[in-house]
Amino acid sequence: MFLELDGHGPHYSQLTRAMKSAILSGRLAAGARLPPTRVLAEELKLSRITVLTAYEQLRAEGYIVGRVGSGSYVSTSRAEPMPQQQAPTRSTAPLTRYAKRARQLTDWSISTQHRDRRLDMQYGRPQVNPTLGAIWGRELAWAATRTRLEYASNQGLPVLREQICDYLARRRGIRTSPDRVLVVSGSQQAITLTARVLLDEGDEVAIEEPHYFGAWQQFGAHGASLQAIPTDHEGLVCSALPAQAPRLVMVTPSHQFPAGPALSLSRRQELLRYARTRGCWVMEDDYDGELRYDAPPLPALHSLDGDDRVIYVGTFSKVMFGALRLGYMVLPEALCDDFINAKYLCDRGNPAIEQAALAHFMEDGGFERHLRYMTRELNARRRELIAGLQQYAGERVQITDAHAGMHVTAWLPDYSHEQVDALIADAHERGLGLYCIAPHYRTPPAVPGLILGYCGLSKAQLHEAMQLFGECLDATDAAARERVPLRHQSA
């Protein structure tokens, strides 16, 4: 099939537009059968996931229909060619260096490519307490009648900052004062503010490998020169940090994202010595430090910092619900004014009613009760996932440190990257969403792996998902033995 991609945006968007154009112009007639996704992917030299995503979008918009056991066809409702719509105009060149860099970022759809699958193992998705909606509604109603209806402090409501200090002292070993706490719109804004305050174009940032690609994108768009520092079973390999110190080192010490291990005490001390002697800053992303199961809780890296070099970042979005979009930073004294100014210039502060509701929720003990419930529930789901992996995947999968967080990292040492890509595509068609770890590396790792999120599925669903995962592995093994392409079954 001849389809010309326009070169603007992610490949799946380009393919979707090209197929729409072919349908609307009549080049693809109503009722015409479309090539199988594997065949079209091979013809266009695209990944099969890209083609699957484009087909799903066209199906959602009514351009094509699927027939079980037969394939995909152009919808008969498009029998009369419609006048071709002019594509949205785009500037021929980005207007700023920032815009140019942002256009080159990784496809934003990586973490949502299987959202329509019945068993979607998306990682990073918070586990939702079924009672929290009603509780939060009451807290909002309480706060709405007690909050002044004017602009609040751009640093955050004092009452919330006080509660955050109390919480951090008890749960994370951090002793700080409210004047050093900045309330932000989640960890993503914390990264953005850090880039604005600390970095000029070309300044160096050291980041873990593998890494959180959201941070890589933010720093990259800002123009930073990024250095990938390897990690192992003890976390960041501090001996690999450059002799010429970067402006910033970003780490996830409580639960390395996405590989899993915690930064060992000796490595923590080594990193803090490095920051002190070379005058660089350390950003501690404690995105799920509260969620630790079969191991004792770890103090935050910030609690060991005697030289005030660590910028600590925490978030409520992961431990409560994603729509909340509230997080916080604990700032070094020397940087407080600059970060508060940057926050003011960004959005003048977060909504006051939500902050007041959260502060009351914490003061009343509801937040701690929610954390206890969430930890018990996630631990039960984690155990179910691991048991399912052991039962249905066996020694074909190796699990790294799984004592914390909201996902398990599973490595497949006996498979190639191509086989794992085919495995993911096969699972997608069977209704199972699997996510590859490779996008979190600058170059693919020697051993392919999967990030298996377990927050969004019940224990029964996780058992079913692992059974289906085992069937996909069996099919991959059979295809390898027979040396024939893997046959996919309809979901």
Protein backbone atom coordinates (compact mmCIF):
# COMPACT_ATOMS: atom_id res chain seq x y z
CA MET A 1 0.00 0.00 0.00
CA PHE A 2 1.36 3.42 -0.95
CA LEU A 3 1.15 5.84 1.95
CA GLU A 4 3.25 8.97 2.22
CA LEU A 5 4.04 10.16 5.73
CA ASP A 6 4.32 13.93 6.18
CA GLY A 7 7.17 13.91 8.73
CA HIS A 8 5.26 15.90 11.38
CA GLY A 9 4.85 14.39 14.84
CA PRO A 10 4.90 10.75 16.02
CA HIS A 11 4.87 8.02 13.36
CA TYR A 12 1.44 6.73 14.41
CA SER A 13 -0.04 10.23 13.92
CA GLN A 14 1.57 10.52 10.49
CA LEU A 15 0.22 7.10 9.48
CA THR A 16 -3.27 7.95 10.78
CA ARG A 17 -3.36 11.15 8.71
CA ALA A 18 -2.05 9.38 5.60
CA MET A 19 -4.73 6.67 5.81
CA LYS A 20 -7.47 9.24 6.44
CA SER A 21 -6.36 11.09 3.32
CA ALA A 22 -6.43 7.88 1.27
CA ILE A 23 -9.93 7.06 2.50
CA LEU A 24 -11.34 10.56 2.04
CA SER A 25 -9.85 10.92 -1.45
CA GLY A 26 -11.30 7.57 -2.55
CA ARG A 27 -7.94 5.85 -3.04
CA LEU A 28 -9.14 3.39 -0.39
CA ALA A 29 -12.70 2.53 -1.36
CA ALA A 30 -15.51 1.85 1.11
CA GLY A 31 -15.42 -1.79 2.14
CA ALA A 32 -11.83 -2.27 1.01
CA ARG A 33 -9.84 -4.70 3.11
CA LEU A 34 -6.77 -3.24 4.77
CA PRO A 35 -3.45 -5.08 5.00
CA PRO A 36 -2.73 -6.94 8.26
CA THR A 37 -0.82 -4.76 10.69
CA ARG A 38 2.32 -6.92 10.45
CA VAL A 39 2.36 -6.70 6.65
CA LEU A 40 1.84 -2.93 6.60
CA ALA A 41 4.50 -2.44 9.27
CA GLU A 42 7.00 -4.38 7.15
CA GLU A 43 6.08 -2.45 4.00
CA LEU A 44 6.43 0.97 5.65
CA LYS A 45 9.42 0.01 7.83
CA LEU A 46 7.52 0.95 11.00
CA SER A 47 7.05 -0.88 14.28
CA ARG A 48 3.94 -3.00 14.55
CA ILE A 49 2.85 -1.06 17.66
CA THR A 50 2.84 2.11 15.53
CA VAL A 51 0.53 0.49 12.95
CA LEU A 52 -1.70 -0.99 15.67
CA THR A 53 -2.07 2.43 17.29
CA ALA A 54 -2.99 4.06 13.95
CA TYR A 55 -5.59 1.34 13.22
CA GLU A 56 -7.10 1.78 16.69
CA GLN A 57 -7.38 5.55 16.18
CA LEU A 58 -9.01 5.13 12.76
CA ARG A 59 -11.42 2.59 14.21
CA ALA A 60 -12.32 4.95 17.07
CA GLU A 61 -13.06 7.74 14.57
CA GLY A 62 -15.20 5.50 12.39
CA TYR A 63 -12.93 5.38 9.34
CA ILE A 64 -12.40 1.61 9.55
CA VAL A 65 -14.17 -1.34 11.12
CA GLY A 66 -12.87 -4.65 12.40
CA ARG A 67 -14.40 -8.04 11.63
CA VAL A 68 -13.51 -10.86 13.99
CA GLY A 69 -11.39 -13.46 12.25
CA SER A 70 -11.31 -11.49 9.01
CA GLY A 71 -9.38 -8.27 9.49
CA SER A 72 -9.93 -4.54 9.14
CA TYR A 73 -11.98 -2.82 6.40
CA VAL A 74 -12.72 0.73 5.29
CA SER A 75 -16.07 1.74 6.77
CA THR A 76 -18.98 1.70 4.33
CA SER A 77 -20.16 4.97 5.87
CA ARG A 78 -17.30 6.53 3.85
CA ALA A 79 -18.83 5.38 0.55
CA GLU A 80 -18.91 8.92 -0.85
CA PRO A 81 -15.48 10.56 -0.85
CA MET A 82 -15.53 13.66 1.29
CA PRO A 83 -13.78 16.86 0.31
CA GLN A 84 -10.21 16.56 1.47
CA GLN A 85 -9.64 18.66 4.51
CA GLN A 86 -6.61 20.86 4.65
CA ALA A 87 -4.12 19.67 7.20
CA PRO A 88 -3.59 22.00 10.14
CA THR A 89 -0.94 24.52 9.28
CA ARG A 90 2.43 24.15 10.95
CA SER A 91 5.33 26.53 10.91
CA THR A 92 7.95 25.38 8.41
CA ALA A 93 10.56 25.71 11.12
CA PRO A 94 10.35 25.93 14.92
CA LEU A 95 10.31 29.53 16.11
CA THR A 96 12.59 28.97 19.11
CA ARG A 97 15.41 26.65 20.07
CA TYR A 98 13.16 25.26 22.81
CA ALA A 99 10.44 24.41 20.28
CA LYS A 100 13.00 22.72 18.05
CA ARG A 101 14.29 20.56 20.88
CA ALA A 102 10.75 19.74 22.05
CA ARG A 103 9.82 18.48 18.57
CA GLN A 104 12.63 15.95 18.78
CA LEU A 105 11.45 14.39 22.04
CA THR A 106 10.35 10.80 22.50
CA ASP A 107 6.77 9.95 21.51
CA TRP A 108 4.51 11.10 24.37
CA SER A 109 2.22 8.08 23.88
CA ILE A 110 4.68 5.48 25.18
CA SER A 111 2.96 5.01 28.54
CA THR A 112 -0.57 4.88 27.09
CA GLN A 113 -0.16 2.68 24.03
CA HIS A 114 -2.25 -0.17 25.51
CA ARG A 115 -4.84 1.89 27.38
CA ASP A 116 -7.68 0.30 25.40
CA ARG A 117 -6.63 -3.24 26.38
CA ARG A 118 -8.70 -5.04 28.99
CA LEU A 119 -5.60 -6.04 31.00
CA ASP A 120 -3.40 -2.96 30.76
CA MET A 121 -0.26 -3.26 32.91
CA GLN A 122 0.61 0.42 32.61
CA TYR A 123 3.24 1.48 35.10
CA GLY A 124 3.13 4.77 37.01
CA ARG A 125 -0.65 4.61 37.35
CA PRO A 126 -1.69 5.16 41.00
CA GLN A 127 -3.82 2.56 42.73
CA VAL A 128 -7.17 4.18 43.51
CA ASN A 129 -8.79 3.67 46.90
CA PRO A 130 -12.50 3.08 46.05
CA THR A 131 -13.58 5.09 49.09
CA LEU A 132 -11.25 8.00 48.44
CA GLY A 133 -13.56 9.77 45.98
CA ALA A 134 -16.28 10.28 48.56
CA ILE A 135 -13.76 11.21 51.26
CA TRP A 136 -12.07 13.72 49.02
CA GLY A 137 -15.42 15.24 48.08
CA ARG A 138 -16.15 15.88 51.76
CA GLU A 139 -12.71 17.40 52.27
CA LEU A 140 -13.22 19.74 49.31
CA ALA A 141 -16.62 20.79 50.62
CA TRP A 142 -15.09 21.47 54.05
CA ALA A 143 -12.23 23.49 52.52
CA ALA A 144 -14.45 25.48 50.13
CA THR A 145 -16.27 27.18 53.01
CA ARG A 146 -13.10 27.91 55.00
CA THR A 147 -10.66 29.09 52.34
CA ARG A 148 -10.23 32.73 51.41
CA LEU A 149 -11.31 33.19 47.80
CA GLU A 150 -8.27 35.11 46.65
CA TYR A 151 -4.81 34.35 45.38
CA ALA A 152 -2.94 32.24 47.90
CA SER A 153 0.79 32.28 48.55
CA ASN A 154 2.64 31.07 45.48
CA GLN A 155 4.86 29.04 47.82
CA GLY A 156 1.83 27.08 49.03
CA LEU A 157 -0.61 27.41 51.91
CA PRO A 158 1.30 27.62 55.22
CA VAL A 159 -0.99 25.02 56.81
CA LEU A 160 -0.17 22.49 54.06
CA ARG A 161 3.55 23.19 54.25
CA GLU A 162 3.41 22.60 58.01
CA GLN A 163 1.67 19.26 57.50
CA ILE A 164 4.26 18.26 54.89
CA CYS A 165 7.07 19.02 57.35
CA ASP A 166 5.41 16.93 60.06
CA TYR A 167 4.84 14.05 57.62
CA LEU A 168 8.43 14.10 56.29
CA ALA A 169 9.90 14.08 59.80
CA ARG A 170 7.88 11.00 60.78
CA ARG A 171 7.94 9.02 57.54
CA ARG A 172 11.08 10.02 55.64
CA GLY A 173 13.49 11.18 58.36
CA ILE A 174 13.63 14.73 56.97
CA ARG A 175 13.67 17.63 59.40
CA THR A 176 12.89 20.91 57.71
CA SER A 177 10.83 24.07 58.15
CA PRO A 178 7.78 25.31 56.21
CA ASP A 179 9.73 28.23 54.74
CA ARG A 180 11.88 25.72 52.81
CA VAL A 181 8.91 23.81 51.36
CA LEU A 182 7.47 24.74 47.96
CA VAL A 183 4.12 23.28 46.84
CA VAL A 184 4.15 22.39 43.13
CA SER A 185 1.94 20.72 40.52
CA GLY A 186 3.50 17.29 40.81
CA SER A 187 7.06 16.10 40.27
CA GLN A 188 6.96 17.10 36.61
CA GLN A 189 6.70 20.78 37.52
CA ALA A 190 9.43 20.30 40.11
CA ILE A 191 11.74 19.12 37.32
CA THR A 192 10.74 22.08 35.14
CA LEU A 193 11.42 24.60 37.92
CA THR A 194 14.76 22.96 38.66
CA ALA A 195 15.77 23.32 35.02
CA ARG A 196 14.74 26.99 34.99
CA VAL A 197 16.57 27.86 38.20
CA LEU A 198 19.76 25.84 37.82
CA LEU A 199 20.43 25.36 34.12
CA ASP A 200 21.41 27.42 31.13
CA GLU A 201 21.60 25.86 27.68
CA GLY A 202 24.55 23.51 27.51
CA ASP A 203 24.85 22.95 31.28
CA GLU A 204 25.43 19.33 32.18
CA VAL A 205 22.99 17.10 34.05
CA ALA A 206 23.84 13.56 35.19
CA ILE A 207 20.87 11.22 35.18
CA GLU A 208 20.51 7.52 35.91
CA GLU A 209 20.58 4.87 33.19
CA PRO A 210 17.90 3.57 32.92
CA HIS A 211 16.01 6.77 33.65
CA TYR A 212 12.59 8.38 33.91
CA PHE A 213 12.13 9.61 30.34
CA GLY A 214 9.88 12.45 31.54
CA ALA A 215 12.90 13.97 33.29
CA TRP A 216 15.12 13.30 30.28
CA GLN A 217 12.59 15.10 28.08
CA GLN A 218 12.28 18.08 30.41
CA PHE A 219 16.01 18.66 30.80
CA GLY A 220 16.61 17.95 27.12
CA ALA A 221 13.97 20.45 26.01
CA HIS A 222 15.56 23.03 28.28
CA GLY A 223 18.85 22.56 26.43
CA ALA A 224 20.84 20.66 29.05
CA SER A 225 23.68 18.37 28.08
CA LEU A 226 22.60 15.00 29.50
CA GLN A 227 25.00 12.37 30.79
CA ALA A 228 23.71 8.85 31.43
CA ILE A 229 25.30 7.30 34.53
CA PRO A 230 24.96 3.50 34.84
CA THR A 231 23.14 1.80 37.72
CA ASP A 232 23.52 -1.67 39.21
CA HIS A 233 22.08 -3.65 42.12
CA GLU A 234 23.16 -0.86 44.52
CA GLY A 235 21.70 1.97 42.48
CA LEU A 236 23.70 4.78 40.85
CA VAL A 237 27.33 3.84 40.17
CA CYS A 238 28.89 6.91 41.77
CA SER A 239 32.38 6.01 40.55
CA ALA A 240 31.09 6.61 37.00
CA LEU A 241 30.24 10.25 37.72
CA PRO A 242 32.45 12.58 35.68
CA ALA A 243 35.55 14.20 37.19
CA GLN A 244 34.26 17.56 35.93
CA ALA A 245 31.07 17.77 37.95
CA PRO A 246 27.74 18.48 36.22
CA ARG A 247 25.52 21.25 37.50
CA LEU A 248 22.97 18.69 38.71
CA VAL A 249 22.75 14.97 39.49
CA MET A 250 19.23 13.50 39.47
CA VAL A 251 18.58 10.23 41.32
CA THR A 252 15.71 8.03 42.51
CA PRO A 253 17.45 6.58 45.59
CA SER A 254 14.53 4.94 47.41
CA HIS A 255 13.45 2.86 44.41
CA GLN A 256 15.47 3.32 41.22
CA PHE A 257 13.14 4.02 38.33
CA PRO A 258 12.53 1.82 36.48
CA ALA A 259 14.99 -0.97 37.39
CA GLY A 260 14.09 -1.15 41.09
CA PRO A 261 17.08 -1.29 43.47
CA ALA A 262 17.54 1.18 46.32
CA LEU A 263 20.68 3.28 46.53
CA SER A 264 22.93 1.65 49.14
CA LEU A 265 24.13 3.59 52.18
CA SER A 266 27.73 3.62 50.98
CA ARG A 267 26.64 4.96 47.58
CA ARG A 268 24.49 7.63 49.27
CA GLN A 269 27.45 8.83 51.27
CA GLU A 270 29.66 8.75 48.20
CA LEU A 271 27.18 10.81 46.19
CA LEU A 272 26.87 13.42 48.95
CA ARG A 273 30.67 13.69 49.20
CA TYR A 274 30.81 14.16 45.44
CA ALA A 275 28.24 16.97 45.59
CA ARG A 276 30.02 18.66 48.50
CA THR A 277 33.56 18.55 47.10
CA ARG A 278 32.56 19.53 43.56
CA GLY A 279 29.86 22.04 44.34
CA CYS A 280 27.04 20.45 42.35
CA TRP A 281 23.39 19.95 43.30
CA VAL A 282 21.52 16.67 43.77
CA MET A 283 17.84 16.23 42.94
CA GLU A 284 16.18 13.41 44.89
CA ASP A 285 12.99 12.21 43.20
CA ASP A 286 11.21 10.28 45.96
CA TYR A 287 8.27 9.39 43.75
CA ASP A 288 7.15 6.30 45.73
CA GLY A 289 9.38 6.18 48.79
CA GLU A 290 6.36 5.58 51.05
CA LEU A 291 5.54 2.28 49.34
CA ARG A 292 7.93 -0.28 50.78
CA TYR A 293 6.83 -3.82 51.59
CA ASP A 294 9.11 -6.75 52.52
CA ALA A 295 11.98 -4.56 53.70
CA PRO A 296 12.42 -1.92 56.41
CA PRO A 297 11.74 1.71 55.42
CA LEU A 298 14.68 3.70 54.12
CA PRO A 299 15.43 7.27 55.19
CA ALA A 300 15.50 9.79 52.38
CA LEU A 301 18.85 10.83 50.92
CA HIS A 302 18.02 14.35 52.06
CA SER A 303 18.08 13.20 55.70
CA LEU A 304 21.81 12.40 55.35
CA ASP A 305 22.68 15.70 53.68
CA GLY A 306 24.72 17.87 56.05
CA ASP A 307 25.81 20.34 53.37
CA ASP A 308 22.42 21.47 52.05
CA ARG A 309 23.03 20.25 48.50
CA VAL A 310 19.93 18.04 48.01
CA ILE A 311 16.69 19.21 46.39
CA TYR A 312 14.02 16.79 47.62
CA VAL A 313 10.89 16.14 45.50
CA GLY A 314 7.78 14.32 46.69
CA THR A 315 4.35 13.89 45.15
CA PHE A 316 0.81 13.23 46.35
CA SER A 317 -0.34 12.22 42.87
CA LYS A 318 1.19 8.74 43.18
CA VAL A 319 -0.04 7.91 46.67
CA MET A 320 -3.54 9.41 46.28
CA PHE A 321 -4.76 9.84 42.69
CA GLY A 322 -3.30 11.24 39.51
CA ALA A 323 -5.90 13.97 39.02
CA LEU A 324 -4.77 15.67 42.25
CA ARG A 325 -1.58 17.09 40.67
CA LEU A 326 -0.01 18.25 43.92
CA GLY A 327 3.58 17.72 44.97
CA TYR A 328 6.24 19.49 46.96
CA MET A 329 9.92 20.35 47.09
CA VAL A 330 12.24 20.74 50.07
CA LEU A 331 14.80 23.30 48.98
CA PRO A 332 18.34 24.18 50.01
CA GLU A 333 18.38 27.49 51.83
CA ALA A 334 20.49 29.14 49.14
CA LEU A 335 17.95 28.28 46.42
CA CYS A 336 14.64 29.05 48.15
CA ASP A 337 14.09 32.56 46.80
CA ASP A 338 14.96 31.58 43.23
CA PHE A 339 12.57 28.63 43.22
CA ILE A 340 9.76 30.65 44.78
CA ASN A 341 10.26 33.34 42.14
CA ALA A 342 10.24 30.72 39.36
CA LYS A 343 7.00 29.24 40.72
CA TYR A 344 5.38 32.68 40.80
CA LEU A 345 6.36 33.36 37.19
CA CYS A 346 5.07 29.94 36.15
CA ASP A 347 1.52 29.95 37.57
CA ARG A 348 1.31 32.15 40.72
CA GLY A 349 0.68 29.06 42.82
CA ASN A 350 -1.56 26.03 43.11
CA PRO A 351 -5.35 26.15 43.78
CA ALA A 352 -5.90 27.05 47.42
CA ILE A 353 -9.04 24.97 48.05
CA GLU A 354 -7.32 21.71 47.04
CA GLN A 355 -4.35 22.60 49.25
CA ALA A 356 -6.60 23.34 52.22
CA ALA A 357 -8.49 20.08 51.69
CA LEU A 358 -5.25 18.10 51.60
CA ALA A 359 -3.91 19.84 54.70
CA HIS A 360 -7.08 18.96 56.63
CA PHE A 361 -6.97 15.39 55.32
CA MET A 362 -3.42 15.05 56.66
CA GLU A 363 -4.12 16.80 59.97
CA ASP A 364 -7.18 14.63 60.61
CA GLY A 365 -5.22 11.40 60.10
CA GLY A 366 -7.03 10.44 56.89
CA PHE A 367 -3.88 10.55 54.81
CA GLU A 368 -2.05 8.11 57.09
CA ARG A 369 -5.05 5.76 57.10
CA HIS A 370 -5.12 5.90 53.31
CA LEU A 371 -1.39 5.11 53.13
CA ARG A 372 -1.83 2.07 55.35
CA TYR A 373 -4.71 0.80 53.21
CA MET A 374 -2.82 1.44 50.01
CA THR A 375 0.35 -0.29 51.22
CA ARG A 376 -1.58 -3.41 52.26
CA GLU A 377 -3.52 -3.53 48.99
CA LEU A 378 -0.51 -2.96 46.75
CA ASN A 379 1.54 -5.53 48.63
CA ALA A 380 -1.21 -8.10 48.03
CA ARG A 381 -1.30 -7.27 44.32
CA ARG A 382 2.49 -7.35 44.08
CA ARG A 383 2.55 -10.82 45.65
CA GLU A 384 -0.13 -12.01 43.22
CA LEU A 385 1.85 -10.69 40.26
CA ILE A 386 5.08 -12.34 41.38
CA ALA A 387 3.32 -15.63 42.10
CA GLY A 388 1.77 -15.52 38.63
CA LEU A 389 5.13 -14.84 37.02
CA GLN A 390 6.67 -17.77 38.84
CA GLN A 391 3.77 -20.06 37.92
CA TYR A 392 3.36 -19.19 34.25
CA ALA A 393 6.73 -17.78 33.18
CA GLY A 394 9.07 -19.70 35.47
CA GLU A 395 12.78 -19.33 34.82
CA ARG A 396 12.18 -17.57 31.51
CA VAL A 397 11.76 -14.33 33.47
CA GLN A 398 14.11 -12.82 36.04
CA ILE A 399 12.70 -10.34 38.58
CA THR A 400 14.87 -7.61 40.08
CA ASP A 401 14.32 -5.93 43.45
CA ALA A 402 10.54 -5.85 43.94
CA HIS A 403 10.29 -4.71 47.56
CA ALA A 404 8.84 -1.28 46.82
CA GLY A 405 6.85 0.84 44.43
CA MET A 406 4.04 0.17 41.99
CA HIS A 407 5.69 -1.99 39.33
CA VAL A 408 7.92 -5.02 38.89
CA THR A 409 10.77 -5.09 36.40
CA ALA A 410 11.00 -8.44 34.61
CA TRP A 411 14.01 -9.32 32.44
CA LEU A 412 13.92 -11.88 29.62
CA PRO A 413 17.55 -12.98 29.19
CA ASP A 414 16.76 -15.81 26.76
CA TYR A 415 14.97 -13.58 24.25
CA SER A 416 16.08 -11.01 21.70
CA HIS A 417 14.70 -7.48 21.52
CA GLU A 418 12.90 -8.44 18.32
CA GLN A 419 11.23 -11.38 20.05
CA VAL A 420 10.12 -9.18 22.93
CA ASP A 421 8.68 -6.62 20.50
CA ALA A 422 6.72 -9.43 18.84
CA LEU A 423 5.67 -10.70 22.27
CA ILE A 424 4.30 -7.25 23.20
CA ALA A 425 2.41 -7.01 19.90
CA ASP A 426 0.97 -10.51 20.36
CA ALA A 427 -0.10 -9.71 23.92
CA HIS A 428 -1.75 -6.50 22.70
CA GLU A 429 -3.94 -8.42 20.27
CA ARG A 430 -4.89 -10.86 23.01
CA GLY A 431 -6.00 -7.97 25.26
CA LEU A 432 -2.89 -7.69 27.44
CA GLY A 433 -0.88 -4.46 27.59
CA LEU A 434 2.85 -4.97 28.22
CA TYR A 435 5.46 -2.19 28.35
CA CYS A 436 9.08 -2.47 27.27
CA ILE A 437 11.85 -1.00 29.41
CA ALA A 438 13.95 0.03 26.39
CA PRO A 439 12.49 3.59 26.05
CA HIS A 440 14.09 4.38 29.40
CA TYR A 441 17.58 3.79 27.98
CA ARG A 442 19.56 5.94 25.58
CA THR A 443 20.51 2.70 23.83
CA PRO A 444 18.63 -0.57 24.36
CA PRO A 445 20.01 -2.70 27.22
CA ALA A 446 21.86 -5.92 26.52
CA VAL A 447 18.96 -7.91 27.99
CA PRO A 448 15.37 -6.95 27.06
CA GLY A 449 12.93 -6.33 29.86
CA LEU A 450 9.36 -5.38 30.73
CA ILE A 451 7.91 -2.95 33.27
CA LEU A 452 4.83 -4.61 34.77
CA GLY A 453 2.57 -2.18 36.58
CA TYR A 454 0.13 -3.77 39.02
CA CYS A 455 -1.79 -0.81 40.48
CA GLY A 456 -4.55 -0.69 37.88
CA LEU A 457 -5.58 -4.36 38.03
CA SER A 458 -7.26 -6.44 40.74
CA LYS A 459 -5.68 -9.63 42.09
CA ALA A 460 -7.95 -11.72 39.88
CA GLN A 461 -7.05 -9.65 36.83
CA LEU A 462 -3.35 -9.92 37.64
CA HIS A 463 -3.60 -13.70 37.82
CA GLU A 464 -5.38 -13.75 34.47
CA ALA A 465 -2.81 -11.36 33.00
CA MET A 466 0.09 -13.58 34.06
CA GLN A 467 -1.63 -16.66 32.67
CA LEU A 468 -2.03 -14.83 29.36
CA PHE A 469 1.57 -13.64 29.55
CA GLY A 470 2.69 -17.25 29.92
CA GLU A 471 0.67 -18.20 26.83
CA CYS A 472 2.36 -15.41 24.87
CA LEU A 473 5.77 -16.66 26.00
CA ASP A 474 4.82 -20.18 24.92
CA ALA A 475 3.78 -18.87 21.51
CA THR A 476 7.05 -16.95 21.18
CA ASP A 477 9.02 -20.09 22.09
CA ALA A 478 7.07 -22.17 19.59
CA ALA A 479 7.66 -19.60 16.85
CA ALA A 480 11.39 -19.60 17.61
CA ARG A 481 11.54 -23.40 17.40
CA GLU A 482 9.67 -23.48 14.13
CA ARG A 483 11.45 -20.38 12.78
CA VAL A 484 8.23 -18.98 11.41
CA PRO A 485 6.58 -15.61 12.11
CA LEU A 486 4.46 -15.55 15.21
CA ARG A 487 0.75 -15.86 14.35
CA HIS A 488 -1.39 -13.41 16.21
CA GLN A 489 -4.83 -14.07 17.48
CA SER A 490 -7.56 -11.47 17.65
CA ALA A 491 -8.20 -9.98 21.04
